[in-house]
Amino acid sequence: MVPLLLVLLLVLLLFGAGFAVKILWWVAIAVLILWLIGFAARPTGGSGRWYRW
């Protein structure tokens, strides 16, 4: 019974990690698109940076 529970726990952890990695890829793509839009739409005067860091 214990090995079966361990295998089920491992499958659940791997499925959760795969889902989290997929979400992180979508977040990374969205951030990249926003960065590219901000880079293309930056002001010409001043420092030329559109972000405040």
PDB file of N, CA and C in Angstrom:
ATOM      1  N   MET A   1       0.819  -1.199   0.000  1.00  0.00           N
ATOM      2  CA  MET A   1       0.000   0.000   0.000  1.00  0.00           C
ATOM      3  C   MET A   1       0.866   1.268   0.000  1.00  0.00           C
ATOM      4  N   VAL A   2       1.953   1.257   0.773  1.00  0.00           N
ATOM      5  CA  VAL A   2       2.823   2.436   0.851  1.00  0.00           C
ATOM      6  C   VAL A   2       3.495   2.730  -0.495  1.00  0.00           C
ATOM      7  N   PRO A   3       4.052   1.712  -1.200  1.00  0.00           N
ATOM      8  CA  PRO A   3       4.639   2.030  -2.511  1.00  0.00           C
ATOM      9  C   PRO A   3       3.622   2.619  -3.497  1.00  0.00           C
ATOM     10  N   LEU A   4       2.388   2.126  -3.445  1.00  0.00           N
ATOM     11  CA  LEU A   4       1.365   2.665  -4.324  1.00  0.00           C
ATOM     12  C   LEU A   4       1.096   4.135  -4.010  1.00  0.00           C
ATOM     13  N   LEU A   5       1.033   4.472  -2.724  1.00  0.00           N
ATOM     14  CA  LEU A   5       0.828   5.862  -2.330  1.00  0.00           C
ATOM     15  C   LEU A   5       2.012   6.734  -2.747  1.00  0.00           C
ATOM     16  N   LEU A   6       3.221   6.198  -2.630  1.00  0.00           N
ATOM     17  CA  LEU A   6       4.397   6.961  -3.043  1.00  0.00           C
ATOM     18  C   LEU A   6       4.399   7.219  -4.555  1.00  0.00           C
ATOM     19  N   VAL A   7       4.006   6.234  -5.330  1.00  0.00           N
ATOM     20  CA  VAL A   7       3.939   6.408  -6.785  1.00  0.00           C
ATOM     21  C   VAL A   7       2.868   7.435  -7.150  1.00  0.00           C
ATOM     22  N   LEU A   8       1.711   7.348  -6.485  1.00  0.00           N
ATOM     23  CA  LEU A   8       0.652   8.318  -6.749  1.00  0.00           C
ATOM     24  C   LEU A   8       1.081   9.727  -6.354  1.00  0.00           C
ATOM     25  N   LEU A   9       1.797   9.851  -5.254  1.00  0.00           N
ATOM     26  CA  LEU A   9       2.301  11.156  -4.837  1.00  0.00           C
ATOM     27  C   LEU A   9       3.318  11.694  -5.840  1.00  0.00           C
ATOM     28  N   LEU A  10       4.190  10.826  -6.341  1.00  0.00           N
ATOM     29  CA  LEU A  10       5.176  11.238  -7.340  1.00  0.00           C
ATOM     30  C   LEU A  10       4.492  11.698  -8.627  1.00  0.00           C
ATOM     31  N   VAL A  11       3.481  10.969  -9.073  1.00  0.00           N
ATOM     32  CA  VAL A  11       2.741  11.355 -10.278  1.00  0.00           C
ATOM     33  C   VAL A  11       2.061  12.698 -10.060  1.00  0.00           C
ATOM     34  N   LEU A  12       1.475  12.904  -8.894  1.00  0.00           N
ATOM     35  CA  LEU A  12       0.813  14.170  -8.599  1.00  0.00           C
ATOM     36  C   LEU A  12       1.809  15.324  -8.585  1.00  0.00           C
ATOM     37  N   LEU A  13       2.991  15.116  -8.008  1.00  0.00           N
ATOM     38  CA  LEU A  13       4.012  16.161  -7.979  1.00  0.00           C
ATOM     39  C   LEU A  13       4.511  16.490  -9.383  1.00  0.00           C
ATOM     40  N   LEU A  14       4.745  15.468 -10.209  1.00  0.00           N
ATOM     41  CA  LEU A  14       5.221  15.704 -11.566  1.00  0.00           C
ATOM     42  C   LEU A  14       4.164  16.400 -12.407  1.00  0.00           C
ATOM     43  N   PHE A  15       2.894  16.032 -12.228  1.00  0.00           N
ATOM     44  CA  PHE A  15       1.822  16.698 -12.963  1.00  0.00           C
ATOM     45  C   PHE A  15       1.715  18.159 -12.532  1.00  0.00           C
ATOM     46  N   GLY A  16       1.827  18.419 -11.239  1.00  0.00           N
ATOM     47  CA  GLY A  16       1.772  19.790 -10.732  1.00  0.00           C
ATOM     48  C   GLY A  16       2.945  20.615 -11.223  1.00  0.00           C
ATOM     49  N   ALA A  17       4.135  20.020 -11.266  1.00  0.00           N
ATOM     50  CA  ALA A  17       5.314  20.737 -11.749  1.00  0.00           C
ATOM     51  C   ALA A  17       5.182  21.038 -13.239  1.00  0.00           C
ATOM     52  N   GLY A  18       4.662  20.096 -14.000  1.00  0.00           N
ATOM     53  CA  GLY A  18       4.460  20.329 -15.425  1.00  0.00           C
ATOM     54  C   GLY A  18       3.459  21.441 -15.682  1.00  0.00           C
ATOM     55  N   PHE A  19       2.395  21.473 -14.901  1.00  0.00           N
ATOM     56  CA  PHE A  19       1.393  22.526 -15.044  1.00  0.00           C
ATOM     57  C   PHE A  19       1.990  23.879 -14.670  1.00  0.00           C
ATOM     58  N   ALA A  20       2.792  23.927 -13.599  1.00  0.00           N
ATOM     59  CA  ALA A  20       3.413  25.182 -13.174  1.00  0.00           C
ATOM     60  C   ALA A  20       4.401  25.682 -14.225  1.00  0.00           C
ATOM     61  N   VAL A  21       5.158  24.780 -14.823  1.00  0.00           N
ATOM     62  CA  VAL A  21       6.119  25.180 -15.850  1.00  0.00           C
ATOM     63  C   VAL A  21       5.393  25.732 -17.075  1.00  0.00           C
ATOM     64  N   LYS A  22       4.266  25.118 -17.432  1.00  0.00           N
ATOM     65  CA  LYS A  22       3.497  25.607 -18.566  1.00  0.00           C
ATOM     66  C   LYS A  22       2.968  27.012 -18.277  1.00  0.00           C
ATOM     67  N   ILE A  23       2.470  27.253 -17.077  1.00  0.00           N
ATOM     68  CA  ILE A  23       1.991  28.586 -16.695  1.00  0.00           C
ATOM     69  C   ILE A  23       3.142  29.583 -16.741  1.00  0.00           C
ATOM     70  N   LEU A  24       4.316  29.184 -16.251  1.00  0.00           N
ATOM     71  CA  LEU A  24       5.461  30.094 -16.259  1.00  0.00           C
ATOM     72  C   LEU A  24       5.889  30.446 -17.678  1.00  0.00           C
ATOM     73  N   TRP A  25       5.779  29.510 -18.617  1.00  0.00           N
ATOM     74  CA  TRP A  25       6.096  29.817 -20.013  1.00  0.00           C
ATOM     75  C   TRP A  25       5.155  30.872 -20.562  1.00  0.00           C
ATOM     76  N   TRP A  26       3.846  30.747 -20.260  1.00  0.00           N
ATOM     77  CA  TRP A  26       2.881  31.741 -20.745  1.00  0.00           C
ATOM     78  C   TRP A  26       3.152  33.105 -20.122  1.00  0.00           C
ATOM     79  N   VAL A  27       3.521  33.129 -18.827  1.00  0.00           N
ATOM     80  CA  VAL A  27       3.847  34.398 -18.161  1.00  0.00           C
ATOM     81  C   VAL A  27       5.089  35.018 -18.813  1.00  0.00           C
ATOM     82  N   ALA A  28       6.095  34.197 -19.097  1.00  0.00           N
ATOM     83  CA  ALA A  28       7.320  34.704 -19.721  1.00  0.00           C
ATOM     84  C   ALA A  28       7.033  35.274 -21.116  1.00  0.00           C
ATOM     85  N   ILE A  29       6.182  34.620 -21.876  1.00  0.00           N
ATOM     86  CA  ILE A  29       5.829  35.121 -23.210  1.00  0.00           C
ATOM     87  C   ILE A  29       5.087  36.449 -23.098  1.00  0.00           C
ATOM     88  N   ALA A  30       4.167  36.558 -22.128  1.00  0.00           N
ATOM     89  CA  ALA A  30       3.421  37.811 -21.956  1.00  0.00           C
ATOM     90  C   ALA A  30       4.358  38.950 -21.556  1.00  0.00           C
ATOM     91  N   VAL A  31       5.304  38.671 -20.666  1.00  0.00           N
ATOM     92  CA  VAL A  31       6.256  39.709 -20.250  1.00  0.00           C
ATOM     93  C   VAL A  31       7.143  40.121 -21.420  1.00  0.00           C
ATOM     94  N   LEU A  32       7.560  39.172 -22.219  1.00  0.00           N
ATOM     95  CA  LEU A  32       8.382  39.496 -23.394  1.00  0.00           C
ATOM     96  C   LEU A  32       7.623  40.381 -24.375  1.00  0.00           C
ATOM     97  N   ILE A  33       6.352  40.078 -24.612  1.00  0.00           N
ATOM     98  CA  ILE A  33       5.550  40.888 -25.521  1.00  0.00           C
ATOM     99  C   ILE A  33       5.388  42.299 -24.972  1.00  0.00           C
ATOM    100  N   LEU A  34       5.105  42.421 -23.670  1.00  0.00           N
ATOM    101  CA  LEU A  34       4.986  43.750 -23.068  1.00  0.00           C
ATOM    102  C   LEU A  34       6.297  44.522 -23.147  1.00  0.00           C
ATOM    103  N   TRP A  35       7.412  43.834 -22.938  1.00  0.00           N
ATOM    104  CA  TRP A  35       8.717  44.502 -23.008  1.00  0.00           C
ATOM    105  C   TRP A  35       8.991  44.988 -24.429  1.00  0.00           C
ATOM    106  N   LEU A  36       8.674  44.160 -25.421  1.00  0.00           N
ATOM    107  CA  LEU A  36       8.884  44.568 -26.810  1.00  0.00           C
ATOM    108  C   LEU A  36       7.999  45.740 -27.192  1.00  0.00           C
ATOM    109  N   ILE A  37       6.739  45.741 -26.723  1.00  0.00           N
ATOM    110  CA  ILE A  37       5.855  46.874 -27.004  1.00  0.00           C
ATOM    111  C   ILE A  37       6.406  48.130 -26.354  1.00  0.00           C
ATOM    112  N   GLY A  38       6.846  48.023 -25.115  1.00  0.00           N
ATOM    113  CA  GLY A  38       7.413  49.179 -24.431  1.00  0.00           C
ATOM    114  C   GLY A  38       8.700  49.654 -25.077  1.00  0.00           C
ATOM    115  N   PHE A  39       9.497  48.743 -25.578  1.00  0.00           N
ATOM    116  CA  PHE A  39      10.736  49.115 -26.252  1.00  0.00           C
ATOM    117  C   PHE A  39      10.440  49.848 -27.556  1.00  0.00           C
ATOM    118  N   ALA A  40       9.423  49.399 -28.282  1.00  0.00           N
ATOM    119  CA  ALA A  40       9.078  50.034 -29.558  1.00  0.00           C
ATOM    120  C   ALA A  40       8.380  51.374 -29.350  1.00  0.00           C
ATOM    121  N   ALA A  41       7.655  51.525 -28.232  1.00  0.00           N
ATOM    122  CA  ALA A  41       6.869  52.738 -28.007  1.00  0.00           C
ATOM    123  C   ALA A  41       7.550  53.697 -27.034  1.00  0.00           C
ATOM    124  N   ARG A  42       8.844  53.555 -26.831  1.00  0.00           N
ATOM    125  CA  ARG A  42       9.519  54.417 -25.861  1.00  0.00           C
ATOM    126  C   ARG A  42       9.612  55.856 -26.378  1.00  0.00           C
ATOM    127  N   PRO A  43       9.651  56.792 -25.457  1.00  0.00           N
ATOM    128  CA  PRO A  43       9.726  58.195 -25.894  1.00  0.00           C
ATOM    129  C   PRO A  43      11.091  58.514 -26.498  1.00  0.00           C
ATOM    130  N   THR A  44      11.097  59.466 -27.412  1.00  0.00           N
ATOM    131  CA  THR A  44      12.353  59.823 -28.076  1.00  0.00           C
ATOM    132  C   THR A  44      13.162  60.803 -27.238  1.00  0.00           C
ATOM    133  N   GLY A  45      12.500  61.634 -26.456  1.00  0.00           N
ATOM    134  CA  GLY A  45      13.229  62.618 -25.652  1.00  0.00           C
ATOM    135  C   GLY A  45      13.590  62.071 -24.283  1.00  0.00           C
ATOM    136  N   GLY A  46      14.454  62.796 -23.580  1.00  0.00           N
ATOM    137  CA  GLY A  46      14.823  62.382 -22.223  1.00  0.00           C
ATOM    138  C   GLY A  46      15.796  61.236 -22.220  1.00  0.00           C
ATOM    139  N   SER A  47      15.644  60.387 -21.245  1.00  0.00           N
ATOM    140  CA  SER A  47      16.593  59.274 -21.119  1.00  0.00           C
ATOM    141  C   SER A  47      16.312  58.164 -22.109  1.00  0.00           C
ATOM    142  N   GLY A  48      15.077  58.119 -22.633  1.00  0.00           N
ATOM    143  CA  GLY A  48      14.747  57.092 -23.614  1.00  0.00           C
ATOM    144  C   GLY A  48      14.280  55.811 -22.969  1.00  0.00           C
ATOM    145  N   ARG A  49      14.196  55.779 -21.643  1.00  0.00           N
ATOM    146  CA  ARG A  49      13.712  54.566 -20.975  1.00  0.00           C
ATOM    147  C   ARG A  49      12.239  54.731 -20.657  1.00  0.00           C
ATOM    148  N   TRP A  50      11.446  53.712 -20.906  1.00  0.00           N
ATOM    149  CA  TRP A  50      10.012  53.772 -20.619  1.00  0.00           C
ATOM    150  C   TRP A  50       9.703  53.180 -19.255  1.00  0.00           C
ATOM    151  N   TYR A  51      10.652  52.480 -18.661  1.00  0.00           N
ATOM    152  CA  TYR A  51      10.426  51.899 -17.329  1.00  0.00           C
ATOM    153  C   TYR A  51      11.116  52.770 -16.286  1.00  0.00           C
ATOM    154  N   ARG A  52      10.820  52.569 -15.023  1.00  0.00           N
ATOM    155  CA  ARG A  52      11.293  53.460 -13.983  1.00  0.00           C
ATOM    156  C   ARG A  52      12.360  52.834 -13.083  1.00  0.00           C
ATOM    157  N   TRP A  53      12.966  51.702 -13.451  1.00  0.00           N
ATOM    158  CA  TRP A  53      13.980  51.115 -12.581  1.00  0.00           C
ATOM    159  C   TRP A  53      15.256  51.889 -12.698  1.00  0.00           C
TER     160      TRP A  53
END
